[in-house]
């Protein structure tokens, strides 16, 4: 499933694997708004979905990964190193990798803490 983040200064298109429980629940909420948080070169924001099942858990991620972070009930976008990264990109704690950024990753650098984020279905 292709979705789009819309924010002041740009957009970012990402694909999520539809078989994951959190993605199924997220689909029911689209479109929705949230407020961005930044942590190094990671953007994350609350999606208010509580899923404890870790279907694809990762302690390290790749540039372009999209993850669900259960402790924060948040969607995370990784476009570089976090404050605890070494030679690998490390989230604050284990994330469930559920998708990939496919377009506009460079625009994520424009997002600041507190910016409004809209998540909607991507146009074809």
PDB file of N, CA and C in Angstrom:
ATOM      1  N   UNK A   1       0.837  -1.165   0.000  1.00  0.00           N
ATOM      2  CA  UNK A   1       0.000   0.000   0.000  1.00  0.00           C
ATOM      3  C   UNK A   1       0.889   1.237   0.000  1.00  0.00           C
ATOM      4  N   UNK A   2       0.581   2.177  -0.901  1.00  0.00           N
ATOM      5  CA  UNK A   2       1.354   3.415  -0.997  1.00  0.00           C
ATOM      6  C   UNK A   2       0.640   4.530  -0.250  1.00  0.00           C
ATOM      7  N   UNK A   3       1.400   5.186   0.634  1.00  0.00           N
ATOM      8  CA  UNK A   3       0.878   6.307   1.405  1.00  0.00           C
ATOM      9  C   UNK A   3       1.778   7.513   1.202  1.00  0.00           C
ATOM     10  N   UNK A   4       1.259   8.666   1.610  1.00  0.00           N
ATOM     11  CA  UNK A   4       2.017   9.903   1.456  1.00  0.00           C
ATOM     12  C   UNK A   4       1.988  10.691   2.753  1.00  0.00           C
ATOM     13  N   UNK A   5       3.158  11.178   3.157  1.00  0.00           N
ATOM     14  CA  UNK A   5       3.264  12.144   4.251  1.00  0.00           C
ATOM     15  C   UNK A   5       3.227  13.514   3.611  1.00  0.00           C
ATOM     16  N   UNK A   6       2.410  14.389   4.148  1.00  0.00           N
ATOM     17  CA  UNK A   6       2.345  15.759   3.651  1.00  0.00           C
ATOM     18  C   UNK A   6       2.692  16.665   4.823  1.00  0.00           C
ATOM     19  N   UNK A   7       3.596  17.612   4.589  1.00  0.00           N
ATOM     20  CA  UNK A   7       4.041  18.521   5.642  1.00  0.00           C
ATOM     21  C   UNK A   7       4.500  19.809   4.983  1.00  0.00           C
ATOM     22  N   UNK A   8       4.633  20.855   5.798  1.00  0.00           N
ATOM     23  CA  UNK A   8       5.103  22.122   5.252  1.00  0.00           C
ATOM     24  C   UNK A   8       6.493  21.912   4.658  1.00  0.00           C
ATOM     25  N   UNK A   9       6.638  22.247   3.401  1.00  0.00           N
ATOM     26  CA  UNK A   9       7.939  22.108   2.759  1.00  0.00           C
ATOM     27  C   UNK A   9       8.105  20.857   1.930  1.00  0.00           C
ATOM     28  N   UNK A  10       7.079  19.990   1.887  1.00  0.00           N
ATOM     29  CA  UNK A  10       7.251  18.830   1.030  1.00  0.00           C
ATOM     30  C   UNK A  10       6.333  17.663   1.308  1.00  0.00           C
ATOM     31  N   UNK A  11       6.659  16.575   0.629  1.00  0.00           N
ATOM     32  CA  UNK A  11       5.937  15.318   0.784  1.00  0.00           C
ATOM     33  C   UNK A  11       6.944  14.175   0.763  1.00  0.00           C
ATOM     34  N   UNK A  12       6.477  13.030   1.169  1.00  0.00           N
ATOM     35  CA  UNK A  12       7.288  11.812   1.146  1.00  0.00           C
ATOM     36  C   UNK A  12       6.331  10.650   0.891  1.00  0.00           C
ATOM     37  N   UNK A  13       6.642   9.833  -0.096  1.00  0.00           N
ATOM     38  CA  UNK A  13       5.811   8.671  -0.414  1.00  0.00           C
ATOM     39  C   UNK A  13       6.487   7.430   0.161  1.00  0.00           C
ATOM     40  N   UNK A  14       5.672   6.561   0.759  1.00  0.00           N
ATOM     41  CA  UNK A  14       6.206   5.330   1.334  1.00  0.00           C
ATOM     42  C   UNK A  14       5.239   4.183   1.094  1.00  0.00           C
ATOM     43  N   UNK A  15       5.795   2.977   1.086  1.00  0.00           N
ATOM     44  CA  UNK A  15       4.994   1.771   0.901  1.00  0.00           C
ATOM     45  C   UNK A  15       5.034   0.941   2.171  1.00  0.00           C
ATOM     46  N   UNK A  16       3.869   0.425   2.554  1.00  0.00           N
ATOM     47  CA  UNK A  16       3.779  -0.440   3.724  1.00  0.00           C
ATOM     48  C   UNK A  16       3.335  -1.830   3.301  1.00  0.00           C
ATOM     49  N   UNK A  17       3.850  -2.834   3.996  1.00  0.00           N
ATOM     50  CA  UNK A  17       3.473  -4.229   3.752  1.00  0.00           C
ATOM     51  C   UNK A  17       2.105  -4.471   4.390  1.00  0.00           C
ATOM     52  N   UNK A  18       1.110  -4.750   3.570  1.00  0.00           N
ATOM     53  CA  UNK A  18      -0.276  -4.829   4.032  1.00  0.00           C
ATOM     54  C   UNK A  18      -0.580  -6.008   4.943  1.00  0.00           C
ATOM     55  N   UNK A  19       0.293  -6.989   5.021  1.00  0.00           N
ATOM     56  CA  UNK A  19       0.007  -8.172   5.840  1.00  0.00           C
ATOM     57  C   UNK A  19       0.212  -7.933   7.342  1.00  0.00           C
ATOM     58  N   UNK A  20       0.905  -6.857   7.723  1.00  0.00           N
ATOM     59  CA  UNK A  20       1.168  -6.602   9.137  1.00  0.00           C
ATOM     60  C   UNK A  20      -0.083  -6.080   9.849  1.00  0.00           C
ATOM     61  N   UNK A  21      -0.293  -6.552  11.078  1.00  0.00           N
ATOM     62  CA  UNK A  21      -1.457  -6.155  11.873  1.00  0.00           C
ATOM     63  C   UNK A  21      -1.538  -4.635  12.043  1.00  0.00           C
ATOM     64  N   UNK A  22      -0.420  -3.992  12.340  1.00  0.00           N
ATOM     65  CA  UNK A  22      -0.435  -2.543  12.557  1.00  0.00           C
ATOM     66  C   UNK A  22      -0.827  -1.802  11.278  1.00  0.00           C
ATOM     67  N   UNK A  23      -0.429  -2.301  10.127  1.00  0.00           N
ATOM     68  CA  UNK A  23      -0.778  -1.656   8.853  1.00  0.00           C
ATOM     69  C   UNK A  23      -2.277  -1.785   8.599  1.00  0.00           C
ATOM     70  N   UNK A  24      -2.839  -2.930   8.906  1.00  0.00           N
ATOM     71  CA  UNK A  24      -4.287  -3.120   8.740  1.00  0.00           C
ATOM     72  C   UNK A  24      -5.054  -2.123   9.602  1.00  0.00           C
ATOM     73  N   UNK A  25      -4.616  -1.935  10.848  1.00  0.00           N
ATOM     74  CA  UNK A  25      -5.279  -0.981  11.743  1.00  0.00           C
ATOM     75  C   UNK A  25      -5.060   0.458  11.273  1.00  0.00           C
ATOM     76  N   UNK A  26      -3.871   0.750  10.771  1.00  0.00           N
ATOM     77  CA  UNK A  26      -3.554   2.095  10.285  1.00  0.00           C
ATOM     78  C   UNK A  26      -4.444   2.475   9.108  1.00  0.00           C
ATOM     79  N   UNK A  27      -4.705   1.532   8.224  1.00  0.00           N
ATOM     80  CA  UNK A  27      -5.534   1.779   7.046  1.00  0.00           C
ATOM     81  C   UNK A  27      -6.898   2.329   7.430  1.00  0.00           C
ATOM     82  N   UNK A  28      -7.436   1.871   8.550  1.00  0.00           N
ATOM     83  CA  UNK A  28      -8.756   2.313   9.004  1.00  0.00           C
ATOM     84  C   UNK A  28      -8.762   3.772   9.452  1.00  0.00           C
ATOM     85  N   UNK A  29      -7.604   4.339   9.754  1.00  0.00           N
ATOM     86  CA  UNK A  29      -7.517   5.713  10.282  1.00  0.00           C
ATOM     87  C   UNK A  29      -7.206   6.767   9.220  1.00  0.00           C
ATOM     88  N   UNK A  30      -6.817   6.348   8.027  1.00  0.00           N
ATOM     89  CA  UNK A  30      -6.352   7.274   6.987  1.00  0.00           C
ATOM     90  C   UNK A  30      -7.539   7.965   6.340  1.00  0.00           C
ATOM     91  N   UNK A  31      -7.476   9.299   6.128  1.00  0.00           N
ATOM     92  CA  UNK A  31      -6.363  10.208   6.433  1.00  0.00           C
ATOM     93  C   UNK A  31      -6.399  10.631   7.905  1.00  0.00           C
ATOM     94  N   UNK A  32      -5.216  11.014   8.420  1.00  0.00           N
ATOM     95  CA  UNK A  32      -5.145  11.524   9.782  1.00  0.00           C
ATOM     96  C   UNK A  32      -3.966  12.483   9.903  1.00  0.00           C
ATOM     97  N   UNK A  33      -3.990  13.259  10.989  1.00  0.00           N
ATOM     98  CA  UNK A  33      -2.913  14.214  11.272  1.00  0.00           C
ATOM     99  C   UNK A  33      -2.236  13.845  12.578  1.00  0.00           C
ATOM    100  N   UNK A  34      -0.980  14.239  12.684  1.00  0.00           N
ATOM    101  CA  UNK A  34      -0.213  14.048  13.910  1.00  0.00           C
ATOM    102  C   UNK A  34       0.830  15.162  13.980  1.00  0.00           C
ATOM    103  N   UNK A  35       1.637  15.143  15.018  1.00  0.00           N
ATOM    104  CA  UNK A  35       2.729  16.110  15.178  1.00  0.00           C
ATOM    105  C   UNK A  35       4.055  15.376  15.168  1.00  0.00           C
ATOM    106  N   UNK A  36       5.002  15.912  14.422  1.00  0.00           N
ATOM    107  CA  UNK A  36       6.301  15.260  14.226  1.00  0.00           C
ATOM    108  C   UNK A  36       7.210  15.418  15.438  1.00  0.00           C
ATOM    109  N   UNK A  37       8.017  14.396  15.641  1.00  0.00           N
ATOM    110  CA  UNK A  37       9.139  14.423  16.574  1.00  0.00           C
ATOM    111  C   UNK A  37      10.377  14.059  15.766  1.00  0.00           C
ATOM    112  N   UNK A  38      11.503  14.654  16.115  1.00  0.00           N
ATOM    113  CA  UNK A  38      12.751  14.315  15.431  1.00  0.00           C
ATOM    114  C   UNK A  38      13.732  13.751  16.450  1.00  0.00           C
ATOM    115  N   UNK A  39      14.552  12.830  15.980  1.00  0.00           N
ATOM    116  CA  UNK A  39      15.598  12.230  16.818  1.00  0.00           C
ATOM    117  C   UNK A  39      16.751  11.902  15.890  1.00  0.00           C
ATOM    118  N   UNK A  40      17.695  12.821  15.792  1.00  0.00           N
ATOM    119  CA  UNK A  40      18.748  12.672  14.790  1.00  0.00           C
ATOM    120  C   UNK A  40      18.107  12.697  13.417  1.00  0.00           C
ATOM    121  N   UNK A  41      18.450  11.726  12.582  1.00  0.00           N
ATOM    122  CA  UNK A  41      17.859  11.642  11.249  1.00  0.00           C
ATOM    123  C   UNK A  41      16.748  10.588  11.225  1.00  0.00           C
ATOM    124  N   UNK A  42      15.871  10.731  12.193  1.00  0.00           N
ATOM    125  CA  UNK A  42      14.656   9.926  12.295  1.00  0.00           C
ATOM    126  C   UNK A  42      13.503  10.869  12.582  1.00  0.00           C
ATOM    127  N   UNK A  43      12.394  10.656  11.887  1.00  0.00           N
ATOM    128  CA  UNK A  43      11.142  11.354  12.167  1.00  0.00           C
ATOM    129  C   UNK A  43      10.196  10.300  12.720  1.00  0.00           C
ATOM    130  N   UNK A  44       9.491  10.632  13.790  1.00  0.00           N
ATOM    131  CA  UNK A  44       8.471   9.719  14.290  1.00  0.00           C
ATOM    132  C   UNK A  44       7.283  10.517  14.789  1.00  0.00           C
ATOM    133  N   UNK A  45       6.112   9.885  14.759  1.00  0.00           N
ATOM    134  CA  UNK A  45       4.898  10.552  15.216  1.00  0.00           C
ATOM    135  C   UNK A  45       3.879   9.504  15.648  1.00  0.00           C
ATOM    136  N   UNK A  46       3.048   9.908  16.602  1.00  0.00           N
ATOM    137  CA  UNK A  46       2.042   9.007  17.159  1.00  0.00           C
ATOM    138  C   UNK A  46       0.983   8.675  16.121  1.00  0.00           C
ATOM    139  N   UNK A  47       0.625   7.388  16.097  1.00  0.00           N
ATOM    140  CA  UNK A  47      -0.500   6.965  15.267  1.00  0.00           C
ATOM    141  C   UNK A  47      -1.604   6.385  16.153  1.00  0.00           C
ATOM    142  N   UNK A  48      -1.403   6.410  17.469  1.00  0.00           N
ATOM    143  CA  UNK A  48      -2.399   5.976  18.457  1.00  0.00           C
ATOM    144  C   UNK A  48      -2.974   4.597  18.150  1.00  0.00           C
ATOM    145  N   UNK A  49      -2.118   3.697  17.708  1.00  0.00           N
ATOM    146  CA  UNK A  49      -2.511   2.308  17.482  1.00  0.00           C
ATOM    147  C   UNK A  49      -1.641   1.457  18.398  1.00  0.00           C
ATOM    148  N   UNK A  50      -2.295   0.619  19.176  1.00  0.00           N
ATOM    149  CA  UNK A  50      -1.566  -0.217  20.125  1.00  0.00           C
ATOM    150  C   UNK A  50      -1.472  -1.642  19.594  1.00  0.00           C
ATOM    151  N   UNK A  51      -0.292  -2.006  19.111  1.00  0.00           N
ATOM    152  CA  UNK A  51      -0.040  -3.363  18.622  1.00  0.00           C
ATOM    153  C   UNK A  51       1.246  -3.842  19.287  1.00  0.00           C
ATOM    154  N   UNK A  52       1.156  -4.920  20.023  1.00  0.00           N
ATOM    155  CA  UNK A  52       2.344  -5.419  20.724  1.00  0.00           C
ATOM    156  C   UNK A  52       3.049  -6.534  19.960  1.00  0.00           C
ATOM    157  N   UNK A  53       2.384  -7.093  18.950  1.00  0.00           N
ATOM    158  CA  UNK A  53       2.984  -8.168  18.158  1.00  0.00           C
ATOM    159  C   UNK A  53       4.123  -7.616  17.314  1.00  0.00           C
ATOM    160  N   UNK A  54       5.295  -8.215  17.447  1.00  0.00           N
ATOM    161  CA  UNK A  54       6.449  -7.798  16.644  1.00  0.00           C
ATOM    162  C   UNK A  54       6.607  -8.791  15.496  1.00  0.00           C
ATOM    163  N   UNK A  55       6.104  -8.427  14.324  1.00  0.00           N
ATOM    164  CA  UNK A  55       6.113  -9.330  13.177  1.00  0.00           C
ATOM    165  C   UNK A  55       7.416  -9.271  12.378  1.00  0.00           C
ATOM    166  N   UNK A  56       8.159  -8.179  12.510  1.00  0.00           N
ATOM    167  CA  UNK A  56       9.434  -8.029  11.796  1.00  0.00           C
ATOM    168  C   UNK A  56      10.371  -7.170  12.648  1.00  0.00           C
ATOM    169  N   UNK A  57      10.717  -7.636  13.871  1.00  0.00           N
ATOM    170  CA  UNK A  57      11.482  -6.803  14.807  1.00  0.00           C
ATOM    171  C   UNK A  57      12.925  -6.580  14.367  1.00  0.00           C
ATOM    172  N   UNK A  58      13.395  -5.345  14.580  1.00  0.00           N
ATOM    173  CA  UNK A  58      14.769  -4.993  14.223  1.00  0.00           C
ATOM    174  C   UNK A  58      15.359  -4.074  15.290  1.00  0.00           C
ATOM    175  N   UNK A  59      16.592  -4.367  15.679  1.00  0.00           N
ATOM    176  CA  UNK A  59      17.338  -3.488  16.587  1.00  0.00           C
ATOM    177  C   UNK A  59      18.184  -2.506  15.804  1.00  0.00           C
ATOM    178  N   UNK A  60      18.449  -2.814  14.533  1.00  0.00           N
ATOM    179  CA  UNK A  60      19.103  -1.876  13.620  1.00  0.00           C
ATOM    180  C   UNK A  60      18.250  -1.813  12.362  1.00  0.00           C
ATOM    181  N   UNK A  61      18.321  -0.669  11.673  1.00  0.00           N
ATOM    182  CA  UNK A  61      17.508  -0.461  10.473  1.00  0.00           C
ATOM    183  C   UNK A  61      18.380   0.083   9.352  1.00  0.00           C
ATOM    184  N   UNK A  62      17.799   0.173   8.175  1.00  0.00           N
ATOM    185  CA  UNK A  62      18.482   0.717   7.004  1.00  0.00           C
ATOM    186  C   UNK A  62      17.904   2.084   6.666  1.00  0.00           C
ATOM    187  N   UNK A  63      18.694   2.903   5.981  1.00  0.00           N
ATOM    188  CA  UNK A  63      18.183   4.170   5.458  1.00  0.00           C
ATOM    189  C   UNK A  63      16.989   3.847   4.566  1.00  0.00           C
ATOM    190  N   UNK A  64      15.882   4.543   4.790  1.00  0.00           N
ATOM    191  CA  UNK A  64      14.676   4.329   3.994  1.00  0.00           C
ATOM    192  C   UNK A  64      13.657   3.414   4.636  1.00  0.00           C
ATOM    193  N   UNK A  65      14.014   2.774   5.760  1.00  0.00           N
ATOM    194  CA  UNK A  65      13.049   1.904   6.438  1.00  0.00           C
ATOM    195  C   UNK A  65      11.958   2.728   7.117  1.00  0.00           C
ATOM    196  N   UNK A  66      10.766   2.143   7.168  1.00  0.00           N
ATOM    197  CA  UNK A  66       9.646   2.689   7.929  1.00  0.00           C
ATOM    198  C   UNK A  66       9.317   1.643   8.987  1.00  0.00           C
ATOM    199  N   UNK A  67       9.210   2.075  10.233  1.00  0.00           N
ATOM    200  CA  UNK A  67       8.954   1.138  11.315  1.00  0.00           C
ATOM    201  C   UNK A  67       7.816   1.582  12.208  1.00  0.00           C
ATOM    202  N   UNK A  68       7.294   0.629  12.955  1.00  0.00           N
ATOM    203  CA  UNK A  68       6.330   0.911  14.014  1.00  0.00           C
ATOM    204  C   UNK A  68       7.051   0.689  15.334  1.00  0.00           C
ATOM    205  N   UNK A  69       6.981   1.695  16.210  1.00  0.00           N
ATOM    206  CA  UNK A  69       7.656   1.658  17.506  1.00  0.00           C
ATOM    207  C   UNK A  69       6.596   1.473  18.596  1.00  0.00           C
ATOM    208  N   UNK A  70       6.414   0.247  19.116  1.00  0.00           N
ATOM    209  CA  UNK A  70       5.346  -0.012  20.085  1.00  0.00           C
ATOM    210  C   UNK A  70       5.353   0.868  21.337  1.00  0.00           C
ATOM    211  N   UNK A  71       6.509   1.136  21.993  1.00  0.00           N
ATOM    212  CA  UNK A  71       6.450   1.961  23.209  1.00  0.00           C
ATOM    213  C   UNK A  71       5.855   3.356  22.973  1.00  0.00           C
ATOM    214  N   UNK A  72       6.082   3.923  21.803  1.00  0.00           N
ATOM    215  CA  UNK A  72       5.553   5.252  21.506  1.00  0.00           C
ATOM    216  C   UNK A  72       4.290   5.233  20.669  1.00  0.00           C
ATOM    217  N   UNK A  73       3.820   4.018  20.313  1.00  0.00           N
ATOM    218  CA  UNK A  73       2.676   3.878  19.398  1.00  0.00           C
ATOM    219  C   UNK A  73       2.878   4.804  18.208  1.00  0.00           C
ATOM    220  N   UNK A  74       4.081   4.709  17.618  1.00  0.00           N
ATOM    221  CA  UNK A  74       4.498   5.684  16.616  1.00  0.00           C
ATOM    222  C   UNK A  74       5.005   5.030  15.336  1.00  0.00           C
ATOM    223  N   UNK A  75       4.828   5.770  14.246  1.00  0.00           N
ATOM    224  CA  UNK A  75       5.408   5.423  12.960  1.00  0.00           C
ATOM    225  C   UNK A  75       6.740   6.153  12.870  1.00  0.00           C
ATOM    226  N   UNK A  76       7.792   5.458  12.426  1.00  0.00           N
ATOM    227  CA  UNK A  76       9.152   6.007  12.384  1.00  0.00           C
ATOM    228  C   UNK A  76       9.702   5.936  10.967  1.00  0.00           C
ATOM    229  N   UNK A  77      10.365   7.004  10.551  1.00  0.00           N
ATOM    230  CA  UNK A  77      10.986   7.084   9.229  1.00  0.00           C
ATOM    231  C   UNK A  77      12.477   7.330   9.427  1.00  0.00           C
ATOM    232  N   UNK A  78      13.287   6.425   8.919  1.00  0.00           N
ATOM    233  CA  UNK A  78      14.734   6.488   9.121  1.00  0.00           C
ATOM    234  C   UNK A  78      15.412   6.951   7.835  1.00  0.00           C
ATOM    235  N   UNK A  79      16.078   8.121   7.910  1.00  0.00           N
ATOM    236  CA  UNK A  79      16.773   8.644   6.730  1.00  0.00           C
ATOM    237  C   UNK A  79      18.238   8.935   7.019  1.00  0.00           C
ATOM    238  N   UNK A  80      18.749   8.414   8.117  1.00  0.00           N
ATOM    239  CA  UNK A  80      20.147   8.583   8.506  1.00  0.00           C
ATOM    240  C   UNK A  80      20.329   8.134   9.947  1.00  0.00           C
ATOM    241  N   UNK A  81      21.411   8.577  10.546  1.00  0.00           N
ATOM    242  CA  UNK A  81      21.774   8.119  11.896  1.00  0.00           C
ATOM    243  C   UNK A  81      20.937   8.776  12.989  1.00  0.00           C
ATOM    244  N   UNK A  82      20.726   8.008  14.050  1.00  0.00           N
ATOM    245  CA  UNK A  82      20.091   8.516  15.265  1.00  0.00           C
ATOM    246  C   UNK A  82      21.207   8.825  16.270  1.00  0.00           C
ATOM    247  N   UNK A  83      20.889   9.489  17.378  1.00  0.00           N
ATOM    248  CA  UNK A  83      21.932   9.804  18.359  1.00  0.00           C
ATOM    249  C   UNK A  83      22.673   8.594  18.929  1.00  0.00           C
ATOM    250  N   UNK A  84      22.083   7.396  18.876  1.00  0.00           N
ATOM    251  CA  UNK A  84      22.772   6.219  19.422  1.00  0.00           C
ATOM    252  C   UNK A  84      23.343   5.309  18.330  1.00  0.00           C
ATOM    253  N   UNK A  85      23.335   5.769  17.095  1.00  0.00           N
ATOM    254  CA  UNK A  85      23.893   4.970  15.998  1.00  0.00           C
ATOM    255  C   UNK A  85      25.404   4.886  16.111  1.00  0.00           C
ATOM    256  N   UNK A  86      25.939   3.750  15.658  1.00  0.00           N
ATOM    257  CA  UNK A  86      27.384   3.607  15.502  1.00  0.00           C
ATOM    258  C   UNK A  86      27.604   3.372  14.010  1.00  0.00           C
ATOM    259  N   UNK A  87      28.097   2.220  13.628  1.00  0.00           N
ATOM    260  CA  UNK A  87      28.237   1.935  12.202  1.00  0.00           C
ATOM    261  C   UNK A  87      26.902   1.503  11.585  1.00  0.00           C
ATOM    262  N   UNK A  88      25.884   1.291  12.421  1.00  0.00           N
ATOM    263  CA  UNK A  88      24.540   0.933  11.961  1.00  0.00           C
ATOM    264  C   UNK A  88      23.539   1.928  12.536  1.00  0.00           C
ATOM    265  N   UNK A  89      22.407   2.071  11.857  1.00  0.00           N
ATOM    266  CA  UNK A  89      21.352   2.964  12.334  1.00  0.00           C
ATOM    267  C   UNK A  89      20.569   2.237  13.423  1.00  0.00           C
ATOM    268  N   UNK A  90      20.486   2.874  14.595  1.00  0.00           N
ATOM    269  CA  UNK A  90      19.819   2.250  15.736  1.00  0.00           C
ATOM    270  C   UNK A  90      18.634   3.087  16.210  1.00  0.00           C
ATOM    271  N   UNK A  91      17.439   2.479  16.236  1.00  0.00           N
ATOM    272  CA  UNK A  91      16.298   3.153  16.852  1.00  0.00           C
ATOM    273  C   UNK A  91      16.458   3.169  18.377  1.00  0.00           C
ATOM    274  N   UNK A  92      15.611   3.917  19.069  1.00  0.00           N
ATOM    275  CA  UNK A  92      15.670   4.002  20.532  1.00  0.00           C
ATOM    276  C   UNK A  92      15.495   2.626  21.169  1.00  0.00           C
ATOM    277  N   UNK A  93      14.638   1.810  20.586  1.00  0.00           N
ATOM    278  CA  UNK A  93      14.454   0.415  20.991  1.00  0.00           C
ATOM    279  C   UNK A  93      13.931  -0.328  19.766  1.00  0.00           C
ATOM    280  N   UNK A  94      13.703  -1.607  19.910  1.00  0.00           N
ATOM    281  CA  UNK A  94      13.304  -2.437  18.773  1.00  0.00           C
ATOM    282  C   UNK A  94      12.064  -1.877  18.078  1.00  0.00           C
ATOM    283  N   UNK A  95      12.124  -1.831  16.750  1.00  0.00           N
ATOM    284  CA  UNK A  95      10.977  -1.424  15.939  1.00  0.00           C
ATOM    285  C   UNK A  95      10.558  -2.590  15.056  1.00  0.00           C
ATOM    286  N   UNK A  96       9.315  -2.551  14.644  1.00  0.00           N
ATOM    287  CA  UNK A  96       8.765  -3.515  13.709  1.00  0.00           C
ATOM    288  C   UNK A  96       8.869  -2.870  12.320  1.00  0.00           C
ATOM    289  N   UNK A  97       9.802  -3.306  11.485  1.00  0.00           N
ATOM    290  CA  UNK A  97       9.969  -2.707  10.155  1.00  0.00           C
ATOM    291  C   UNK A  97       8.803  -3.164   9.286  1.00  0.00           C
ATOM    292  N   UNK A  98       8.030  -2.177   8.797  1.00  0.00           N
ATOM    293  CA  UNK A  98       6.795  -2.480   8.072  1.00  0.00           C
ATOM    294  C   UNK A  98       6.756  -1.902   6.667  1.00  0.00           C
ATOM    295  N   UNK A  99       7.798  -1.179   6.256  1.00  0.00           N
ATOM    296  CA  UNK A  99       7.770  -0.608   4.914  1.00  0.00           C
ATOM    297  C   UNK A  99       9.035   0.135   4.557  1.00  0.00           C
ATOM    298  N   UNK A 100       8.965   0.846   3.413  1.00  0.00           N
ATOM    299  CA  UNK A 100      10.116   1.577   2.857  1.00  0.00           C
ATOM    300  C   UNK A 100       9.663   2.916   2.292  1.00  0.00           C
ATOM    301  N   UNK A 101      10.543   3.900   2.414  1.00  0.00           N
ATOM    302  CA  UNK A 101      10.343   5.191   1.759  1.00  0.00           C
ATOM    303  C   UNK A 101      10.686   5.005   0.284  1.00  0.00           C
ATOM    304  N   UNK A 102       9.814   5.473  -0.611  1.00  0.00           N
ATOM    305  CA  UNK A 102      10.057   5.275  -2.041  1.00  0.00           C
ATOM    306  C   UNK A 102      10.279   6.578  -2.806  1.00  0.00           C
ATOM    307  N   UNK A 103       9.930   7.704  -2.201  1.00  0.00           N
ATOM    308  CA  UNK A 103      10.113   8.983  -2.889  1.00  0.00           C
ATOM    309  C   UNK A 103      10.112  10.123  -1.871  1.00  0.00           C
ATOM    310  N   UNK A 104      10.970  11.102  -2.080  1.00  0.00           N
ATOM    311  CA  UNK A 104      10.971  12.300  -1.254  1.00  0.00           C
ATOM    312  C   UNK A 104      11.677  12.175   0.082  1.00  0.00           C
ATOM    313  N   UNK A 105      12.559  11.174   0.230  1.00  0.00           N
ATOM    314  CA  UNK A 105      13.254  10.991   1.508  1.00  0.00           C
ATOM    315  C   UNK A 105      14.026  12.251   1.902  1.00  0.00           C
ATOM    316  N   UNK A 106      14.606  12.935   0.931  1.00  0.00           N
ATOM    317  CA  UNK A 106      15.388  14.143   1.223  1.00  0.00           C
ATOM    318  C   UNK A 106      14.532  15.233   1.863  1.00  0.00           C
ATOM    319  N   UNK A 107      13.219  15.218   1.618  1.00  0.00           N
ATOM    320  CA  UNK A 107      12.322  16.223   2.195  1.00  0.00           C
ATOM    321  C   UNK A 107      12.149  16.057   3.701  1.00  0.00           C
ATOM    322  N   UNK A 108      12.412  14.865   4.216  1.00  0.00           N
ATOM    323  CA  UNK A 108      12.247  14.633   5.652  1.00  0.00           C
ATOM    324  C   UNK A 108      13.175  15.515   6.477  1.00  0.00           C
ATOM    325  N   UNK A 109      14.289  15.928   5.899  1.00  0.00           N
ATOM    326  CA  UNK A 109      15.233  16.798   6.615  1.00  0.00           C
ATOM    327  C   UNK A 109      14.634  18.165   6.928  1.00  0.00           C
ATOM    328  N   UNK A 110      13.553  18.534   6.245  1.00  0.00           N
ATOM    329  CA  UNK A 110      12.900  19.831   6.451  1.00  0.00           C
ATOM    330  C   UNK A 110      11.955  19.826   7.650  1.00  0.00           C
ATOM    331  N   UNK A 111      11.605  18.646   8.137  1.00  0.00           N
ATOM    332  CA  UNK A 111      10.630  18.538   9.226  1.00  0.00           C
ATOM    333  C   UNK A 111      11.283  18.892  10.558  1.00  0.00           C
ATOM    334  N   UNK A 112      10.561  19.677  11.350  1.00  0.00           N
ATOM    335  CA  UNK A 112      11.025  20.094  12.679  1.00  0.00           C
ATOM    336  C   UNK A 112      10.078  19.529  13.741  1.00  0.00           C
ATOM    337  N   UNK A 113      10.583  19.425  14.972  1.00  0.00           N
ATOM    338  CA  UNK A 113       9.729  19.001  16.087  1.00  0.00           C
ATOM    339  C   UNK A 113       8.458  19.835  16.121  1.00  0.00           C
ATOM    340  N   UNK A 114       7.321  19.165  16.259  1.00  0.00           N
ATOM    341  CA  UNK A 114       6.045  19.855  16.387  1.00  0.00           C
ATOM    342  C   UNK A 114       5.347  20.162  15.079  1.00  0.00           C
ATOM    343  N   UNK A 115       6.020  19.962  13.946  1.00  0.00           N
ATOM    344  CA  UNK A 115       5.375  20.221  12.654  1.00  0.00           C
ATOM    345  C   UNK A 115       4.178  19.298  12.469  1.00  0.00           C
ATOM    346  N   UNK A 116       3.142  19.831  11.819  1.00  0.00           N
ATOM    347  CA  UNK A 116       1.965  19.024  11.508  1.00  0.00           C
ATOM    348  C   UNK A 116       2.294  18.083  10.355  1.00  0.00           C
ATOM    349  N   UNK A 117       1.895  16.825  10.512  1.00  0.00           N
ATOM    350  CA  UNK A 117       2.086  15.776   9.501  1.00  0.00           C
ATOM    351  C   UNK A 117       0.698  15.257   9.138  1.00  0.00           C
ATOM    352  N   UNK A 118       0.420  15.130   7.857  1.00  0.00           N
ATOM    353  CA  UNK A 118      -0.810  14.485   7.401  1.00  0.00           C
ATOM    354  C   UNK A 118      -0.427  13.205   6.671  1.00  0.00           C
ATOM    355  N   UNK A 119      -1.104  12.119   6.999  1.00  0.00           N
ATOM    356  CA  UNK A 119      -0.895  10.843   6.309  1.00  0.00           C
ATOM    357  C   UNK A 119      -2.148  10.568   5.494  1.00  0.00           C
ATOM    358  N   UNK A 120      -1.947  10.311   4.197  1.00  0.00           N
ATOM    359  CA  UNK A 120      -3.079  10.025   3.311  1.00  0.00           C
ATOM    360  C   UNK A 120      -2.658   8.974   2.294  1.00  0.00           C
ATOM    361  N   UNK A 121      -3.638   8.430   1.595  1.00  0.00           N
ATOM    362  CA  UNK A 121      -3.320   7.495   0.518  1.00  0.00           C
ATOM    363  C   UNK A 121      -2.641   8.275  -0.598  1.00  0.00           C
ATOM    364  N   UNK A 122      -1.603   7.703  -1.192  1.00  0.00           N
ATOM    365  CA  UNK A 122      -0.884   8.368  -2.286  1.00  0.00           C
ATOM    366  C   UNK A 122      -1.729   8.311  -3.549  1.00  0.00           C
ATOM    367  N   UNK A 123      -1.670   9.406  -4.327  1.00  0.00           N
ATOM    368  CA  UNK A 123      -2.368   9.387  -5.610  1.00  0.00           C
ATOM    369  C   UNK A 123      -1.604   8.491  -6.570  1.00  0.00           C
ATOM    370  N   UNK A 124      -2.324   7.904  -7.480  1.00  0.00           N
ATOM    371  CA  UNK A 124      -1.725   6.923  -8.406  1.00  0.00           C
ATOM    372  C   UNK A 124      -0.663   7.488  -9.283  1.00  0.00           C
TER     373      UNK A 124
END
